[in-house]
C-alpha cells in the first residue's frame, strides 16, 4: 500500500505535538527493549504513518495537494454510487472536461491507483460488507457488486484479500 503513496519532501504536520511525542515514544521503546517492544514499535510506527497520511490525503486516498483533487474526488463519488454498473471512464472523463488518457493519468497521480483498480477496491469492500452483514450467497453478492461471472469475482476477491470469498465467509463468527 505504501508504494501507492507519494509523500512530499517537506511537510508541516497538522499535529506536530503528536508527531514529536510519538517519535519520543518510539525512541523510548527502542532503547528500553522491554519484552514485546517490537510490537510497540510497530504500533507507534503505524500511528505515525496514519497521522502523516491524514495530512497528505483525503479519506478516499486523494492527495490533498493534487491540482485536480476535487475532480478526482468527484469521479470517486460517481464510482461509489455506480459501482454495480460497468464503468464508463470515457463518459466520466468527458463529464469533467478531460480526455480519457489524461483522466486516467490524473487519477493515478492523485490516488496511486488506476481507475479500474480503485473500482475493484470499492467493489471488494462492498462485497466484504455484504458477506459480513447479510445472508446472501457468494454468487448473489458477486452479481450485487457488478460481476456476472462468480469465478472472475472470486479470483479478484482472493487476489485483493488473500482469501476466497467462501473462506472469508466461513471465517466470520457464526457463518458457515
Protein backbone atom coordinates (compact mmCIF):
# COMPACT_ATOMS: atom_id res chain seq x y z
CA UNK A 1 0.00 0.00 0.00
CA UNK A 2 2.77 2.46 0.81
CA UNK A 3 4.18 2.25 -2.71
CA UNK A 4 0.92 3.92 -3.84
CA UNK A 5 1.56 6.93 -1.62
CA UNK A 6 3.66 9.86 -2.67
CA UNK A 7 4.97 11.61 0.42
CA UNK A 8 6.11 15.21 -0.09
CA UNK A 9 9.76 16.04 0.53
CA UNK A 10 8.72 18.55 3.19
CA UNK A 11 5.51 18.84 5.10
CA UNK A 12 4.03 20.68 8.04
CA UNK A 13 2.09 18.17 10.15
CA UNK A 14 -1.29 19.33 11.43
CA UNK A 15 -0.44 17.95 14.89
CA UNK A 16 3.31 18.40 15.41
CA UNK A 17 2.99 17.66 19.14
CA UNK A 18 1.53 14.21 18.39
CA UNK A 19 4.35 13.54 15.90
CA UNK A 20 7.01 14.65 18.41
CA UNK A 21 5.50 12.60 21.24
CA UNK A 22 5.18 9.53 19.03
CA UNK A 23 8.82 9.84 17.97
CA UNK A 24 9.84 10.14 21.64
CA UNK A 25 7.78 7.04 22.48
CA UNK A 26 9.40 5.19 19.56
CA UNK A 27 12.85 6.06 20.85
CA UNK A 28 11.98 5.10 24.42
CA UNK A 29 10.54 1.74 23.34
CA UNK A 30 13.60 1.02 21.20
CA UNK A 31 16.03 1.92 23.97
CA UNK A 32 14.18 0.03 26.73
CA UNK A 33 13.89 -3.19 24.72
CA UNK A 34 11.24 -4.41 27.16
CA UNK A 35 9.52 -7.68 26.40
CA UNK A 36 7.25 -7.14 23.37
CA UNK A 37 8.93 -3.89 22.33
CA UNK A 38 8.86 -4.97 18.68
CA UNK A 39 5.08 -4.86 18.80
CA UNK A 40 5.14 -1.46 20.50
CA UNK A 41 7.46 -0.14 17.77
CA UNK A 42 5.12 -1.40 15.05
CA UNK A 43 2.10 0.16 16.74
CA UNK A 44 3.83 3.51 17.08
CA UNK A 45 5.09 3.45 13.50
CA UNK A 46 1.60 2.68 12.23
CA UNK A 47 0.17 5.53 14.31
CA UNK A 48 2.82 7.84 12.90
CA UNK A 49 2.04 6.76 9.34
CA UNK A 50 -1.68 7.21 9.95
CA UNK A 51 -1.14 10.77 11.15
CA UNK A 52 1.06 11.59 8.16
CA UNK A 53 -1.42 10.05 5.73
CA UNK A 54 -4.25 12.14 7.16
CA UNK A 55 -2.15 15.20 6.44
CA UNK A 56 -1.44 14.33 2.81
CA UNK A 57 -4.56 12.52 1.60
CA UNK A 58 -8.34 12.62 1.92
CA UNK A 59 -10.31 9.69 3.32
CA UNK A 60 -10.68 8.47 -0.27
CA UNK A 61 -6.92 8.47 -0.76
CA UNK A 62 -6.73 11.55 -2.98
CA UNK A 63 -3.65 13.68 -2.46
CA UNK A 64 -4.70 16.90 -0.72
CA UNK A 65 -2.18 18.91 -2.72
CA UNK A 66 -3.17 17.48 -6.10
CA UNK A 67 -4.32 20.17 -8.51
CA UNK A 68 -7.30 18.07 -9.64
CA UNK A 69 -8.25 16.64 -6.23
CA UNK A 70 -11.85 17.87 -6.50
CA UNK A 71 -12.23 16.37 -9.97
CA UNK A 72 -10.84 13.03 -8.82
CA UNK A 73 -12.96 13.14 -5.65
CA UNK A 74 -15.99 13.68 -7.90
CA UNK A 75 -15.00 10.71 -10.04
CA UNK A 76 -14.59 8.56 -6.93
CA UNK A 77 -18.04 9.58 -5.72
CA UNK A 78 -19.52 8.55 -9.07
CA UNK A 79 -17.70 5.22 -8.81
CA UNK A 80 -19.04 4.68 -5.28
CA UNK A 81 -22.58 5.49 -6.37
CA UNK A 82 -22.45 3.36 -9.53
CA UNK A 83 -20.09 0.55 -8.52
CA UNK A 84 -22.52 -2.14 -9.74
CA UNK A 85 -22.58 -0.78 -13.29
CA UNK A 86 -19.93 -1.36 -15.93
CA UNK A 87 -17.59 1.63 -15.71
CA UNK A 88 -17.70 4.24 -18.47
CA UNK A 89 -14.45 6.10 -17.90
CA UNK A 90 -14.71 7.84 -21.26
CA UNK A 91 -18.01 9.43 -20.21
CA UNK A 92 -16.66 10.22 -16.76
CA UNK A 93 -13.61 11.92 -18.26
CA UNK A 94 -15.83 13.83 -20.68
CA UNK A 95 -18.09 14.98 -17.83
CA UNK A 96 -15.03 16.54 -16.20
CA UNK A 97 -13.79 18.07 -19.47
CA UNK A 98 -10.81 15.72 -19.77
CA UNK A 99 -9.59 13.25 -22.34
CA UNK A 100 -9.73 9.61 -21.27
CA UNK A 101 -5.94 9.24 -21.17
CA UNK A 102 -5.46 12.46 -19.20
CA UNK A 103 -8.22 11.43 -16.77
CA UNK A 104 -6.51 8.08 -16.17
CA UNK A 105 -3.15 9.79 -15.68
CA UNK A 106 -4.57 12.32 -13.20
CA UNK A 107 -6.47 9.62 -11.32
CA UNK A 108 -3.32 7.51 -10.93
CA UNK A 109 -1.30 10.56 -9.83
CA UNK A 110 -3.91 11.56 -7.26
CA UNK A 111 -4.71 8.13 -5.78
CA UNK A 112 -1.81 5.86 -6.67
CA UNK A 113 -4.26 3.53 -8.44
CA UNK A 114 -5.71 3.28 -11.91
CA UNK A 115 -9.48 3.94 -12.04
CA UNK A 116 -10.24 0.25 -12.58
CA UNK A 117 -8.07 -0.76 -9.60
CA UNK A 118 -9.92 1.78 -7.47
CA UNK A 119 -13.31 0.50 -8.65
CA UNK A 120 -12.32 -3.08 -7.87
CA UNK A 121 -11.38 -1.99 -4.34
CA UNK A 122 -14.76 -0.29 -3.92
CA UNK A 123 -16.50 -3.45 -5.12
CA UNK A 124 -14.46 -5.73 -2.86
CA UNK A 125 -15.12 -3.51 0.17
CA UNK A 126 -18.85 -3.69 -0.59
CA UNK A 127 -18.60 -7.47 -1.06
CA UNK A 128 -16.90 -7.83 2.34
CA UNK A 129 -19.63 -5.72 3.91
CA UNK A 130 -22.32 -7.91 2.33
CA UNK A 131 -20.53 -11.12 3.32
CA UNK A 132 -20.30 -9.84 6.88
CA UNK A 133 -23.77 -8.34 7.29
CA UNK A 134 -26.12 -10.37 5.12
CA UNK A 135 -27.21 -13.88 4.30
CA UNK A 136 -26.67 -13.59 0.55
CA UNK A 137 -24.73 -16.32 -1.21
CA UNK A 138 -21.35 -15.59 -2.75
CA UNK A 139 -22.98 -15.81 -6.21
CA UNK A 140 -25.64 -13.26 -5.26
CA UNK A 141 -23.04 -10.92 -3.81
CA UNK A 142 -20.92 -11.31 -6.93
CA UNK A 143 -23.82 -10.00 -9.03
CA UNK A 144 -24.69 -7.30 -6.49
CA UNK A 145 -21.22 -5.77 -6.76
CA UNK A 146 -21.08 -5.86 -10.54
CA UNK A 147 -19.68 -9.26 -11.50
CA UNK A 148 -21.87 -11.62 -13.50
CA UNK A 149 -19.14 -14.27 -13.51
CA UNK A 150 -18.70 -15.67 -9.99
CA UNK A 151 -15.34 -17.22 -10.91
CA UNK A 152 -13.96 -13.86 -12.02
CA UNK A 153 -15.30 -12.27 -8.83
CA UNK A 154 -13.79 -14.99 -6.65
CA UNK A 155 -10.42 -14.67 -8.39
CA UNK A 156 -10.38 -10.89 -7.88
CA UNK A 157 -11.53 -11.23 -4.27
CA UNK A 158 -8.78 -13.72 -3.49
CA UNK A 159 -6.19 -11.52 -5.22
CA UNK A 160 -7.27 -8.48 -3.18
CA UNK A 161 -7.94 -10.14 0.17
CA UNK A 162 -5.65 -13.17 0.11
CA UNK A 163 -8.57 -15.50 0.79
CA UNK A 164 -11.53 -16.70 -1.28
CA UNK A 165 -14.98 -15.20 -0.60
CA UNK A 166 -16.18 -18.61 0.59
CA UNK A 167 -13.34 -18.89 3.11
CA UNK A 168 -13.82 -15.26 4.12
CA UNK A 169 -17.47 -16.03 4.81
CA UNK A 170 -16.56 -19.17 6.76
CA UNK A 171 -14.04 -17.25 8.84
CA UNK A 172 -16.71 -14.88 10.11
CA UNK A 173 -18.15 -15.68 13.50
CA UNK A 174 -21.34 -17.71 13.20
CA UNK A 175 -21.21 -18.00 9.41
CA UNK A 176 -20.75 -21.48 7.97
